[in-house]
Amino acid sequence: MIRVLYFARLREELGRSGEEIEPHGIATVADVAGALRQRGGPWAETLGEGQTVLAAVNQEMARPETPVCDGDEVAFFPPVTGG
């Protein structure tokens, strides 16, 4: 299983802080996001094209092409500003 976590506004928009998904057909962060978008509704809107969403795999910043394996944790979150 791949543990998916949602932070900040994503958690609010999706109504959950996390979930587990099957790793079948998933090889990258982009595949995880794509599988979630296929659900439609808030997932398609929140993780859709044009949305600025960052990702981390096992608590390290990740890019769409970053590999994901069974047992990994993938977190999605909006950009954060400091100040």
PDB file of N, CA and C in Angstrom:
ATOM      1  N   MET A   1       0.838  -1.184   0.000  1.00  0.00           N
ATOM      2  CA  MET A   1       0.000   0.000   0.000  1.00  0.00           C
ATOM      3  C   MET A   1       0.887   1.253   0.000  1.00  0.00           C
ATOM      4  N   ILE A   2       0.374   2.299  -0.572  1.00  0.00           N
ATOM      5  CA  ILE A   2       1.036   3.597  -0.557  1.00  0.00           C
ATOM      6  C   ILE A   2       0.207   4.487   0.359  1.00  0.00           C
ATOM      7  N   ARG A   3       0.854   5.058   1.346  1.00  0.00           N
ATOM      8  CA  ARG A   3       0.179   5.967   2.278  1.00  0.00           C
ATOM      9  C   ARG A   3       0.217   7.359   1.672  1.00  0.00           C
ATOM     10  N   VAL A   4      -0.947   7.968   1.489  1.00  0.00           N
ATOM     11  CA  VAL A   4      -1.049   9.311   0.915  1.00  0.00           C
ATOM     12  C   VAL A   4      -1.547  10.246   2.005  1.00  0.00           C
ATOM     13  N   LEU A   5      -0.833  11.356   2.189  1.00  0.00           N
ATOM     14  CA  LEU A   5      -1.203  12.353   3.186  1.00  0.00           C
ATOM     15  C   LEU A   5      -1.544  13.670   2.499  1.00  0.00           C
ATOM     16  N   TYR A   6      -2.520  14.386   3.070  1.00  0.00           N
ATOM     17  CA  TYR A   6      -2.933  15.689   2.548  1.00  0.00           C
ATOM     18  C   TYR A   6      -2.767  16.722   3.650  1.00  0.00           C
ATOM     19  N   PHE A   7      -2.203  17.877   3.298  1.00  0.00           N
ATOM     20  CA  PHE A   7      -1.960  18.918   4.290  1.00  0.00           C
ATOM     21  C   PHE A   7      -2.622  20.235   3.889  1.00  0.00           C
ATOM     22  N   ALA A   8      -2.890  21.069   4.909  1.00  0.00           N
ATOM     23  CA  ALA A   8      -3.407  22.426   4.750  1.00  0.00           C
ATOM     24  C   ALA A   8      -4.714  22.427   3.954  1.00  0.00           C
ATOM     25  N   ARG A   9      -4.816  23.277   2.954  1.00  0.00           N
ATOM     26  CA  ARG A   9      -6.083  23.417   2.223  1.00  0.00           C
ATOM     27  C   ARG A   9      -6.484  22.129   1.509  1.00  0.00           C
ATOM     28  N   LEU A  10      -5.527  21.289   1.137  1.00  0.00           N
ATOM     29  CA  LEU A  10      -5.867  20.030   0.471  1.00  0.00           C
ATOM     30  C   LEU A  10      -6.659  19.144   1.417  1.00  0.00           C
ATOM     31  N   ARG A  11      -6.235  19.087   2.672  1.00  0.00           N
ATOM     32  CA  ARG A  11      -6.964  18.293   3.669  1.00  0.00           C
ATOM     33  C   ARG A  11      -8.391  18.807   3.803  1.00  0.00           C
ATOM     34  N   GLU A  12      -8.537  20.126   3.820  1.00  0.00           N
ATOM     35  CA  GLU A  12      -9.871  20.723   3.947  1.00  0.00           C
ATOM     36  C   GLU A  12     -10.724  20.434   2.719  1.00  0.00           C
ATOM     37  N   GLU A  13     -10.155  20.601   1.531  1.00  0.00           N
ATOM     38  CA  GLU A  13     -10.913  20.412   0.293  1.00  0.00           C
ATOM     39  C   GLU A  13     -11.285  18.953   0.063  1.00  0.00           C
ATOM     40  N   LEU A  14     -10.435  18.021   0.493  1.00  0.00           N
ATOM     41  CA  LEU A  14     -10.697  16.598   0.273  1.00  0.00           C
ATOM     42  C   LEU A  14     -11.426  15.950   1.450  1.00  0.00           C
ATOM     43  N   GLY A  15     -11.492  16.662   2.569  1.00  0.00           N
ATOM     44  CA  GLY A  15     -12.228  16.143   3.717  1.00  0.00           C
ATOM     45  C   GLY A  15     -11.542  14.988   4.422  1.00  0.00           C
ATOM     46  N   ARG A  16     -10.227  14.887   4.271  1.00  0.00           N
ATOM     47  CA  ARG A  16      -9.484  13.828   4.953  1.00  0.00           C
ATOM     48  C   ARG A  16      -8.016  14.206   5.036  1.00  0.00           C
ATOM     49  N   SER A  17      -7.335  13.636   5.992  1.00  0.00           N
ATOM     50  CA  SER A  17      -5.916  13.937   6.167  1.00  0.00           C
ATOM     51  C   SER A  17      -5.020  12.909   5.490  1.00  0.00           C
ATOM     52  N   GLY A  18      -5.582  11.772   5.135  1.00  0.00           N
ATOM     53  CA  GLY A  18      -4.778  10.756   4.474  1.00  0.00           C
ATOM     54  C   GLY A  18      -5.589   9.524   4.145  1.00  0.00           C
ATOM     55  N   GLU A  19      -4.927   8.614   3.447  1.00  0.00           N
ATOM     56  CA  GLU A  19      -5.544   7.353   3.054  1.00  0.00           C
ATOM     57  C   GLU A  19      -4.466   6.428   2.510  1.00  0.00           C
ATOM     58  N   GLU A  20      -4.822   5.201   2.265  1.00  0.00           N
ATOM     59  CA  GLU A  20      -3.906   4.256   1.642  1.00  0.00           C
ATOM     60  C   GLU A  20      -4.488   3.849   0.302  1.00  0.00           C
ATOM     61  N   ILE A  21      -3.613   3.746  -0.705  1.00  0.00           N
ATOM     62  CA  ILE A  21      -4.054   3.322  -2.029  1.00  0.00           C
ATOM     63  C   ILE A  21      -3.204   2.140  -2.480  1.00  0.00           C
ATOM     64  N   GLU A  22      -3.773   1.333  -3.348  1.00  0.00           N
ATOM     65  CA  GLU A  22      -3.061   0.188  -3.917  1.00  0.00           C
ATOM     66  C   GLU A  22      -1.986   0.693  -4.870  1.00  0.00           C
ATOM     67  N   PRO A  23      -0.826   0.061  -4.892  1.00  0.00           N
ATOM     68  CA  PRO A  23       0.263   0.517  -5.755  1.00  0.00           C
ATOM     69  C   PRO A  23       0.175   0.028  -7.204  1.00  0.00           C
ATOM     70  N   HIS A  24      -0.874  -0.677  -7.562  1.00  0.00           N
ATOM     71  CA  HIS A  24      -0.990  -1.231  -8.912  1.00  0.00           C
ATOM     72  C   HIS A  24      -0.957  -0.145  -9.974  1.00  0.00           C
ATOM     73  N   GLY A  25       0.006  -0.234 -10.894  1.00  0.00           N
ATOM     74  CA  GLY A  25       0.124   0.725 -11.984  1.00  0.00           C
ATOM     75  C   GLY A  25       0.723   2.054 -11.585  1.00  0.00           C
ATOM     76  N   ILE A  26       1.222   2.154 -10.359  1.00  0.00           N
ATOM     77  CA  ILE A  26       1.795   3.409  -9.883  1.00  0.00           C
ATOM     78  C   ILE A  26       3.306   3.264  -9.772  1.00  0.00           C
ATOM     79  N   ALA A  27       4.025   4.152 -10.470  1.00  0.00           N
ATOM     80  CA  ALA A  27       5.486   4.113 -10.443  1.00  0.00           C
ATOM     81  C   ALA A  27       6.102   5.444 -10.036  1.00  0.00           C
ATOM     82  N   THR A  28       5.310   6.544 -10.112  1.00  0.00           N
ATOM     83  CA  THR A  28       5.839   7.878  -9.826  1.00  0.00           C
ATOM     84  C   THR A  28       4.824   8.704  -9.036  1.00  0.00           C
ATOM     85  N   VAL A  29       5.281   9.847  -8.556  1.00  0.00           N
ATOM     86  CA  VAL A  29       4.385  10.794  -7.879  1.00  0.00           C
ATOM     87  C   VAL A  29       3.269  11.217  -8.837  1.00  0.00           C
ATOM     88  N   ALA A  30       3.611  11.442 -10.103  1.00  0.00           N
ATOM     89  CA  ALA A  30       2.591  11.825 -11.094  1.00  0.00           C
ATOM     90  C   ALA A  30       1.533  10.739 -11.235  1.00  0.00           C
ATOM     91  N   ASP A  31       1.937   9.478 -11.144  1.00  0.00           N
ATOM     92  CA  ASP A  31       0.971   8.372 -11.220  1.00  0.00           C
ATOM     93  C   ASP A  31       0.026   8.394 -10.019  1.00  0.00           C
ATOM     94  N   VAL A  32       0.551   8.694  -8.840  1.00  0.00           N
ATOM     95  CA  VAL A  32      -0.297   8.785  -7.639  1.00  0.00           C
ATOM     96  C   VAL A  32      -1.335   9.886  -7.838  1.00  0.00           C
ATOM     97  N   ALA A  33      -0.879  11.072  -8.235  1.00  0.00           N
ATOM     98  CA  ALA A  33      -1.794  12.194  -8.443  1.00  0.00           C
ATOM     99  C   ALA A  33      -2.818  11.864  -9.530  1.00  0.00           C
ATOM    100  N   GLY A  34      -2.362  11.216 -10.597  1.00  0.00           N
ATOM    101  CA  GLY A  34      -3.272  10.845 -11.682  1.00  0.00           C
ATOM    102  C   GLY A  34      -4.339   9.866 -11.229  1.00  0.00           C
ATOM    103  N   ALA A  35      -3.941   8.874 -10.434  1.00  0.00           N
ATOM    104  CA  ALA A  35      -4.906   7.896  -9.926  1.00  0.00           C
ATOM    105  C   ALA A  35      -5.942   8.577  -9.042  1.00  0.00           C
ATOM    106  N   LEU A  36      -5.507   9.534  -8.237  1.00  0.00           N
ATOM    107  CA  LEU A  36      -6.444  10.258  -7.381  1.00  0.00           C
ATOM    108  C   LEU A  36      -7.365  11.152  -8.208  1.00  0.00           C
ATOM    109  N   ARG A  37      -6.815  11.834  -9.219  1.00  0.00           N
ATOM    110  CA  ARG A  37      -7.633  12.707 -10.083  1.00  0.00           C
ATOM    111  C   ARG A  37      -8.721  11.919 -10.803  1.00  0.00           C
ATOM    112  N   GLN A  38      -8.453  10.676 -11.138  1.00  0.00           N
ATOM    113  CA  GLN A  38      -9.443   9.865 -11.861  1.00  0.00           C
ATOM    114  C   GLN A  38     -10.711   9.645 -11.052  1.00  0.00           C
ATOM    115  N   ARG A  39     -10.660   9.864  -9.770  1.00  0.00           N
ATOM    116  CA  ARG A  39     -11.862   9.739  -8.941  1.00  0.00           C
ATOM    117  C   ARG A  39     -12.880  10.820  -9.276  1.00  0.00           C
ATOM    118  N   GLY A  40     -12.402  11.921  -9.858  1.00  0.00           N
ATOM    119  CA  GLY A  40     -13.282  13.041 -10.170  1.00  0.00           C
ATOM    120  C   GLY A  40     -13.556  13.887  -8.947  1.00  0.00           C
ATOM    121  N   GLY A  41     -14.579  14.710  -9.028  1.00  0.00           N
ATOM    122  CA  GLY A  41     -14.992  15.554  -7.911  1.00  0.00           C
ATOM    123  C   GLY A  41     -13.862  16.386  -7.338  1.00  0.00           C
ATOM    124  N   PRO A  42     -13.765  16.434  -5.992  1.00  0.00           N
ATOM    125  CA  PRO A  42     -12.756  17.291  -5.371  1.00  0.00           C
ATOM    126  C   PRO A  42     -11.324  16.878  -5.697  1.00  0.00           C
ATOM    127  N   TRP A  43     -11.077  15.596  -5.955  1.00  0.00           N
ATOM    128  CA  TRP A  43      -9.722  15.169  -6.302  1.00  0.00           C
ATOM    129  C   TRP A  43      -9.304  15.744  -7.649  1.00  0.00           C
ATOM    130  N   ALA A  44     -10.197  15.724  -8.602  1.00  0.00           N
ATOM    131  CA  ALA A  44      -9.891  16.269  -9.927  1.00  0.00           C
ATOM    132  C   ALA A  44      -9.658  17.774  -9.852  1.00  0.00           C
ATOM    133  N   GLU A  45     -10.401  18.443  -8.989  1.00  0.00           N
ATOM    134  CA  GLU A  45     -10.246  19.892  -8.845  1.00  0.00           C
ATOM    135  C   GLU A  45      -8.987  20.249  -8.054  1.00  0.00           C
ATOM    136  N   THR A  46      -8.782  19.611  -6.922  1.00  0.00           N
ATOM    137  CA  THR A  46      -7.673  19.942  -6.023  1.00  0.00           C
ATOM    138  C   THR A  46      -6.317  19.555  -6.600  1.00  0.00           C
ATOM    139  N   LEU A  47      -6.252  18.422  -7.283  1.00  0.00           N
ATOM    140  CA  LEU A  47      -4.984  17.929  -7.829  1.00  0.00           C
ATOM    141  C   LEU A  47      -4.915  18.091  -9.340  1.00  0.00           C
ATOM    142  N   GLY A  48      -5.848  18.860  -9.907  1.00  0.00           N
ATOM    143  CA  GLY A  48      -5.944  19.020 -11.351  1.00  0.00           C
ATOM    144  C   GLY A  48      -4.856  19.879 -11.959  1.00  0.00           C
ATOM    145  N   GLU A  49      -4.826  19.842 -13.275  1.00  0.00           N
ATOM    146  CA  GLU A  49      -3.885  20.653 -14.030  1.00  0.00           C
ATOM    147  C   GLU A  49      -4.085  22.118 -13.663  1.00  0.00           C
ATOM    148  N   GLY A  50      -2.998  22.833 -13.542  1.00  0.00           N
ATOM    149  CA  GLY A  50      -3.062  24.251 -13.209  1.00  0.00           C
ATOM    150  C   GLY A  50      -3.054  24.535 -11.715  1.00  0.00           C
ATOM    151  N   GLN A  51      -3.225  23.492 -10.898  1.00  0.00           N
ATOM    152  CA  GLN A  51      -3.165  23.673  -9.448  1.00  0.00           C
ATOM    153  C   GLN A  51      -1.706  23.565  -9.006  1.00  0.00           C
ATOM    154  N   THR A  52      -1.296  24.418  -8.111  1.00  0.00           N
ATOM    155  CA  THR A  52       0.061  24.350  -7.588  1.00  0.00           C
ATOM    156  C   THR A  52       0.047  23.505  -6.324  1.00  0.00           C
ATOM    157  N   VAL A  53       0.553  22.283  -6.467  1.00  0.00           N
ATOM    158  CA  VAL A  53       0.601  21.340  -5.361  1.00  0.00           C
ATOM    159  C   VAL A  53       2.002  20.745  -5.322  1.00  0.00           C
ATOM    160  N   LEU A  54       2.598  20.758  -4.155  1.00  0.00           N
ATOM    161  CA  LEU A  54       3.915  20.168  -3.968  1.00  0.00           C
ATOM    162  C   LEU A  54       3.760  18.754  -3.418  1.00  0.00           C
ATOM    163  N   ALA A  55       4.822  17.968  -3.542  1.00  0.00           N
ATOM    164  CA  ALA A  55       4.779  16.592  -3.057  1.00  0.00           C
ATOM    165  C   ALA A  55       6.074  16.240  -2.358  1.00  0.00           C
ATOM    166  N   ALA A  56       5.978  15.275  -1.461  1.00  0.00           N
ATOM    167  CA  ALA A  56       7.140  14.699  -0.799  1.00  0.00           C
ATOM    168  C   ALA A  56       6.951  13.190  -0.762  1.00  0.00           C
ATOM    169  N   VAL A  57       8.053  12.464  -0.941  1.00  0.00           N
ATOM    170  CA  VAL A  57       8.039  11.011  -0.814  1.00  0.00           C
ATOM    171  C   VAL A  57       8.927  10.668   0.365  1.00  0.00           C
ATOM    172  N   ASN A  58       8.340   9.985   1.333  1.00  0.00           N
ATOM    173  CA  ASN A  58       9.066   9.609   2.548  1.00  0.00           C
ATOM    174  C   ASN A  58       9.758  10.828   3.181  1.00  0.00           C
ATOM    175  N   GLN A  59       9.009  11.923   3.227  1.00  0.00           N
ATOM    176  CA  GLN A  59       9.402  13.181   3.873  1.00  0.00           C
ATOM    177  C   GLN A  59      10.550  13.903   3.182  1.00  0.00           C
ATOM    178  N   GLU A  60      10.761  13.623   1.896  1.00  0.00           N
ATOM    179  CA  GLU A  60      11.744  14.357   1.099  1.00  0.00           C
ATOM    180  C   GLU A  60      11.035  14.954  -0.102  1.00  0.00           C
ATOM    181  N   MET A  61      11.324  16.217  -0.385  1.00  0.00           N
ATOM    182  CA  MET A  61      10.679  16.881  -1.515  1.00  0.00           C
ATOM    183  C   MET A  61      10.816  16.021  -2.775  1.00  0.00           C
ATOM    184  N   ALA A  62       9.747  16.018  -3.568  1.00  0.00           N
ATOM    185  CA  ALA A  62       9.711  15.163  -4.747  1.00  0.00           C
ATOM    186  C   ALA A  62       9.182  15.921  -5.945  1.00  0.00           C
ATOM    187  N   ARG A  63       9.531  15.418  -7.116  1.00  0.00           N
ATOM    188  CA  ARG A  63       9.046  15.956  -8.385  1.00  0.00           C
ATOM    189  C   ARG A  63       8.060  14.941  -8.963  1.00  0.00           C
ATOM    190  N   PRO A  64       7.300  15.326  -9.990  1.00  0.00           N
ATOM    191  CA  PRO A  64       6.345  14.375 -10.577  1.00  0.00           C
ATOM    192  C   PRO A  64       6.985  13.056 -11.012  1.00  0.00           C
ATOM    193  N   GLU A  65       8.238  13.100 -11.465  1.00  0.00           N
ATOM    194  CA  GLU A  65       8.890  11.880 -11.953  1.00  0.00           C
ATOM    195  C   GLU A  65       9.575  11.072 -10.850  1.00  0.00           C
ATOM    196  N   THR A  66       9.487  11.514  -9.593  1.00  0.00           N
ATOM    197  CA  THR A  66      10.099  10.779  -8.488  1.00  0.00           C
ATOM    198  C   THR A  66       9.445   9.403  -8.350  1.00  0.00           C
ATOM    199  N   PRO A  67      10.252   8.346  -8.276  1.00  0.00           N
ATOM    200  CA  PRO A  67       9.692   6.994  -8.135  1.00  0.00           C
ATOM    201  C   PRO A  67       8.947   6.814  -6.816  1.00  0.00           C
ATOM    202  N   VAL A  68       7.914   5.983  -6.868  1.00  0.00           N
ATOM    203  CA  VAL A  68       7.121   5.625  -5.698  1.00  0.00           C
ATOM    204  C   VAL A  68       6.983   4.104  -5.689  1.00  0.00           C
ATOM    205  N   CYS A  69       7.190   3.515  -4.522  1.00  0.00           N
ATOM    206  CA  CYS A  69       7.107   2.064  -4.374  1.00  0.00           C
ATOM    207  C   CYS A  69       6.089   1.696  -3.296  1.00  0.00           C
ATOM    208  N   ASP A  70       5.680   0.451  -3.326  1.00  0.00           N
ATOM    209  CA  ASP A  70       4.814  -0.085  -2.288  1.00  0.00           C
ATOM    210  C   ASP A  70       5.480   0.168  -0.933  1.00  0.00           C
ATOM    211  N   GLY A  71       4.722   0.696   0.014  1.00  0.00           N
ATOM    212  CA  GLY A  71       5.242   0.990   1.335  1.00  0.00           C
ATOM    213  C   GLY A  71       5.689   2.431   1.522  1.00  0.00           C
ATOM    214  N   ASP A  72       5.751   3.204   0.442  1.00  0.00           N
ATOM    215  CA  ASP A  72       6.156   4.604   0.539  1.00  0.00           C
ATOM    216  C   ASP A  72       5.031   5.475   1.076  1.00  0.00           C
ATOM    217  N   GLU A  73       5.422   6.640   1.568  1.00  0.00           N
ATOM    218  CA  GLU A  73       4.483   7.660   2.008  1.00  0.00           C
ATOM    219  C   GLU A  73       4.617   8.843   1.042  1.00  0.00           C
ATOM    220  N   VAL A  74       3.494   9.252   0.471  1.00  0.00           N
ATOM    221  CA  VAL A  74       3.470  10.395  -0.446  1.00  0.00           C
ATOM    222  C   VAL A  74       2.592  11.467   0.178  1.00  0.00           C
ATOM    223  N   ALA A  75       3.156  12.652   0.350  1.00  0.00           N
ATOM    224  CA  ALA A  75       2.401  13.774   0.922  1.00  0.00           C
ATOM    225  C   ALA A  75       2.195  14.844  -0.133  1.00  0.00           C
ATOM    226  N   PHE A  76       0.989  15.395  -0.170  1.00  0.00           N
ATOM    227  CA  PHE A  76       0.666  16.493  -1.063  1.00  0.00           C
ATOM    228  C   PHE A  76       0.315  17.707  -0.206  1.00  0.00           C
ATOM    229  N   PHE A  77       0.823  18.877  -0.610  1.00  0.00           N
ATOM    230  CA  PHE A  77       0.580  20.090   0.155  1.00  0.00           C
ATOM    231  C   PHE A  77       0.743  21.312  -0.740  1.00  0.00           C
ATOM    232  N   PRO A  78       0.100  22.419  -0.380  1.00  0.00           N
ATOM    233  CA  PRO A  78       0.243  23.642  -1.161  1.00  0.00           C
ATOM    234  C   PRO A  78       1.588  24.303  -0.870  1.00  0.00           C
ATOM    235  N   PRO A  79       2.029  25.196  -1.746  1.00  0.00           N
ATOM    236  CA  PRO A  79       3.262  25.940  -1.474  1.00  0.00           C
ATOM    237  C   PRO A  79       3.095  26.729  -0.172  1.00  0.00           C
ATOM    238  N   VAL A  80       4.174  26.896   0.548  1.00  0.00           N
ATOM    239  CA  VAL A  80       4.154  27.601   1.819  1.00  0.00           C
ATOM    240  C   VAL A  80       5.069  28.805   1.711  1.00  0.00           C
ATOM    241  N   THR A  81       4.620  29.924   2.253  1.00  0.00           N
ATOM    242  CA  THR A  81       5.474  31.109   2.268  1.00  0.00           C
ATOM    243  C   THR A  81       5.851  31.402   3.707  1.00  0.00           C
ATOM    244  N   GLY A  82       7.001  31.970   3.876  1.00  0.00           N
ATOM    245  CA  GLY A  82       7.461  32.320   5.224  1.00  0.00           C
ATOM    246  C   GLY A  82       7.490  33.830   5.385  1.00  0.00           C
ATOM    247  N   GLY A  83       7.769  34.239   6.567  1.00  0.00           N
ATOM    248  CA  GLY A  83       7.885  35.679   6.738  1.00  0.00           C
ATOM    249  C   GLY A  83       7.704  36.144   8.133  1.00  0.00           C
TER     250      GLY A  83
END
